[in-house]
Amino acid sequence: MKRIIDDGLQVNLKMCLVVLASLVGLGCVSQLRTLAMQTMDNAQTTIDAASNAGAQQAAPTPLQAAQEMLSGAEAAMQAGDTERAYRLALRAYLQARIARETSLAIQHEAKLQEAQTQLVQSQQRTAALLQELITIKAEYEKLKTLNEENE
């Protein structure tokens, strides 16, 4: 009788473990799906930000790669391959970040070049004004000397 009870407990315990493992597995799949969807959303947002930052001209290759990877992630999600969708979405996000940061760096470089040009022009104007001031001062001193001699 004891053996029958032990066998029954073993079967019930095994069933409980199988059910528990299935539930944990389903929870992980659900979490992975949520993570993949969030990563796809982040990738799309970053692609949009890169486009708005002018990445079509400044960094077209990583921007196009990001768009293609995001399309692949969407297709993988539709096919039920959540893990692949997540990996592709993450790559799309990273490529979009590269495109955006490259575009911003080029814009900042252009602004720096413009500021440097303005600085050089200001220095040149300052030097010209200083020279003009020296000339005016010399003429003033000359006139002052002539005026003193005439008195």
Protein backbone atom coordinates (compact mmCIF):
# COMPACT_ATOMS: atom_id res chain seq x y z
CA MET A 1 0.00 0.00 0.00
CA LYS A 2 2.85 2.32 0.91
CA ARG A 3 4.47 1.61 -2.46
CA ILE A 4 1.27 2.56 -4.30
CA ILE A 5 1.09 5.87 -2.39
CA ASP A 6 4.81 6.57 -3.07
CA ASP A 7 4.31 5.78 -6.77
CA GLY A 8 1.26 8.05 -6.83
CA LEU A 9 3.21 10.87 -5.18
CA GLN A 10 6.07 10.42 -7.61
CA VAL A 11 3.70 10.62 -10.58
CA ASN A 12 1.93 13.67 -9.11
CA LEU A 13 5.28 15.29 -8.29
CA LYS A 14 6.52 14.67 -11.82
CA MET A 15 3.30 16.10 -13.25
CA CYS A 16 3.64 19.17 -11.04
CA LEU A 17 7.23 19.68 -12.18
CA VAL A 18 6.24 19.34 -15.84
CA VAL A 19 3.39 21.83 -15.39
CA LEU A 20 5.63 24.22 -13.44
CA ALA A 21 8.37 24.03 -16.08
CA SER A 22 5.80 24.68 -18.80
CA LEU A 23 4.46 27.73 -16.96
CA VAL A 24 7.97 29.11 -16.42
CA GLY A 25 8.74 28.48 -20.08
CA LEU A 26 5.58 30.29 -21.13
CA GLY A 27 6.48 33.19 -18.84
CA CYS A 28 9.94 33.46 -20.40
CA VAL A 29 8.45 33.36 -23.89
CA SER A 30 6.01 36.08 -22.92
CA GLN A 31 8.81 38.20 -21.47
CA LEU A 32 10.94 37.68 -24.58
CA ARG A 33 8.01 38.69 -26.78
CA THR A 34 7.51 41.85 -24.71
CA LEU A 35 11.22 42.61 -24.84
CA ALA A 36 11.30 42.06 -28.61
CA MET A 37 8.31 44.37 -29.11
CA GLN A 38 9.86 47.09 -26.93
CA THR A 39 13.17 46.76 -28.75
CA MET A 40 11.39 47.03 -32.10
CA ASP A 41 9.63 50.19 -30.87
CA ASN A 42 12.96 51.63 -29.67
CA ALA A 43 14.56 50.80 -33.01
CA GLN A 44 11.76 52.55 -34.93
CA THR A 45 12.00 55.62 -32.67
CA THR A 46 15.77 55.75 -33.16
CA ILE A 47 15.43 55.31 -36.93
CA ASP A 48 13.00 58.23 -36.97
CA ALA A 49 15.41 60.33 -34.88
CA ALA A 50 18.27 59.47 -37.23
CA SER A 51 16.18 60.45 -40.24
CA ASN A 52 15.22 63.73 -38.57
CA ALA A 53 18.91 64.37 -37.85
CA GLY A 54 19.73 64.07 -41.56
CA ALA A 55 21.14 60.57 -41.59
CA GLN A 56 19.87 59.97 -45.15
CA GLN A 57 22.70 62.21 -46.37
CA ALA A 58 25.23 61.87 -43.54
CA ALA A 59 25.03 58.14 -42.83
CA PRO A 60 22.86 56.37 -45.40
CA THR A 61 24.44 52.93 -45.04
CA PRO A 62 23.77 52.36 -41.31
CA LEU A 63 20.33 53.97 -41.63
CA GLN A 64 19.38 51.63 -44.47
CA ALA A 65 20.80 48.66 -42.55
CA ALA A 66 18.70 49.63 -39.53
CA GLN A 67 15.54 49.85 -41.65
CA GLU A 68 16.22 46.47 -43.25
CA MET A 69 16.96 44.83 -39.90
CA LEU A 70 13.77 46.25 -38.41
CA SER A 71 11.79 44.88 -41.36
CA GLY A 72 13.44 41.52 -40.75
CA ALA A 73 12.55 41.70 -37.07
CA GLU A 74 8.92 42.41 -37.92
CA ALA A 75 8.86 39.47 -40.32
CA ALA A 76 10.46 37.19 -37.73
CA MET A 77 7.88 38.26 -35.14
CA GLN A 78 5.07 37.52 -37.61
CA ALA A 79 6.62 34.09 -38.22
CA GLY A 80 6.74 33.46 -34.46
CA ASP A 81 10.53 33.55 -34.18
CA THR A 82 10.62 35.89 -31.19
CA GLU A 83 14.29 35.36 -30.39
CA ARG A 84 15.35 36.25 -33.93
CA ALA A 85 12.99 39.24 -33.90
CA TYR A 86 14.63 40.49 -30.71
CA ARG A 87 18.16 40.05 -32.07
CA LEU A 88 17.33 41.82 -35.34
CA ALA A 89 15.51 44.63 -33.53
CA LEU A 90 18.50 45.15 -31.25
CA ARG A 91 20.83 45.31 -34.25
CA ALA A 92 18.45 47.73 -35.97
CA TYR A 93 18.48 49.94 -32.89
CA LEU A 94 22.29 49.93 -32.78
CA GLN A 95 22.62 50.72 -36.50
CA ALA A 96 20.10 53.55 -36.14
CA ARG A 97 22.12 54.95 -33.21
CA ILE A 98 25.26 54.84 -35.35
CA ALA A 99 23.44 56.68 -38.15
CA ARG A 100 22.05 59.31 -35.77
CA GLU A 101 25.31 59.91 -33.93
CA THR A 102 27.25 60.11 -37.20
CA SER A 103 24.80 62.66 -38.54
CA LEU A 104 24.95 64.73 -35.36
CA ALA A 105 28.76 64.59 -35.32
CA ILE A 106 28.89 65.88 -38.90
CA GLN A 107 26.49 68.69 -38.00
CA HIS A 108 28.56 69.64 -34.96
CA GLU A 109 31.73 69.55 -37.05
CA ALA A 110 30.14 71.94 -39.57
CA LYS A 111 29.10 74.29 -36.77
CA LEU A 112 32.61 74.15 -35.35
CA GLN A 113 34.12 75.00 -38.74
CA GLU A 114 31.69 77.92 -39.07
CA ALA A 115 32.58 79.19 -35.59
CA GLN A 116 36.29 78.92 -36.35
CA THR A 117 35.82 80.89 -39.57
CA GLN A 118 33.90 83.58 -37.69
CA LEU A 119 36.63 83.71 -35.06
CA VAL A 120 39.35 84.20 -37.68
CA GLN A 121 37.29 86.95 -39.36
CA SER A 122 36.75 88.66 -35.99
CA GLN A 123 40.46 88.48 -35.25
CA GLN A 124 41.24 89.99 -38.65
CA ARG A 125 38.73 92.83 -38.09
CA THR A 126 40.17 93.45 -34.63
CA ALA A 127 43.71 93.60 -36.04
CA ALA A 128 42.58 96.05 -38.75
CA LEU A 129 40.80 98.24 -36.20
CA LEU A 130 43.85 98.19 -33.95
CA GLN A 131 46.04 99.28 -36.85
CA GLU A 132 43.58 102.04 -37.68
CA LEU A 133 43.59 103.15 -34.05
CA ILE A 134 47.41 103.28 -34.06
CA THR A 135 47.30 105.41 -37.22
CA ILE A 136 44.71 107.77 -35.72
CA LYS A 137 46.74 108.07 -32.53
CA ALA A 138 49.88 108.91 -34.54
CA GLU A 139 47.97 111.57 -36.49
CA TYR A 140 46.58 112.97 -33.23
CA GLU A 141 50.05 113.20 -31.75
CA LYS A 142 51.27 114.92 -34.92
CA LEU A 143 48.42 117.44 -34.80
CA LYS A 144 48.99 118.00 -31.11
CA THR A 145 52.67 118.75 -31.74
CA LEU A 146 51.81 121.16 -34.58
CA ASN A 147 49.26 122.89 -32.40
CA GLU A 148 51.80 123.32 -29.60
CA GLU A 149 54.32 124.77 -32.02
CA ASN A 150 51.76 127.25 -33.38
CA GLU A 151 50.89 128.58 -29.95
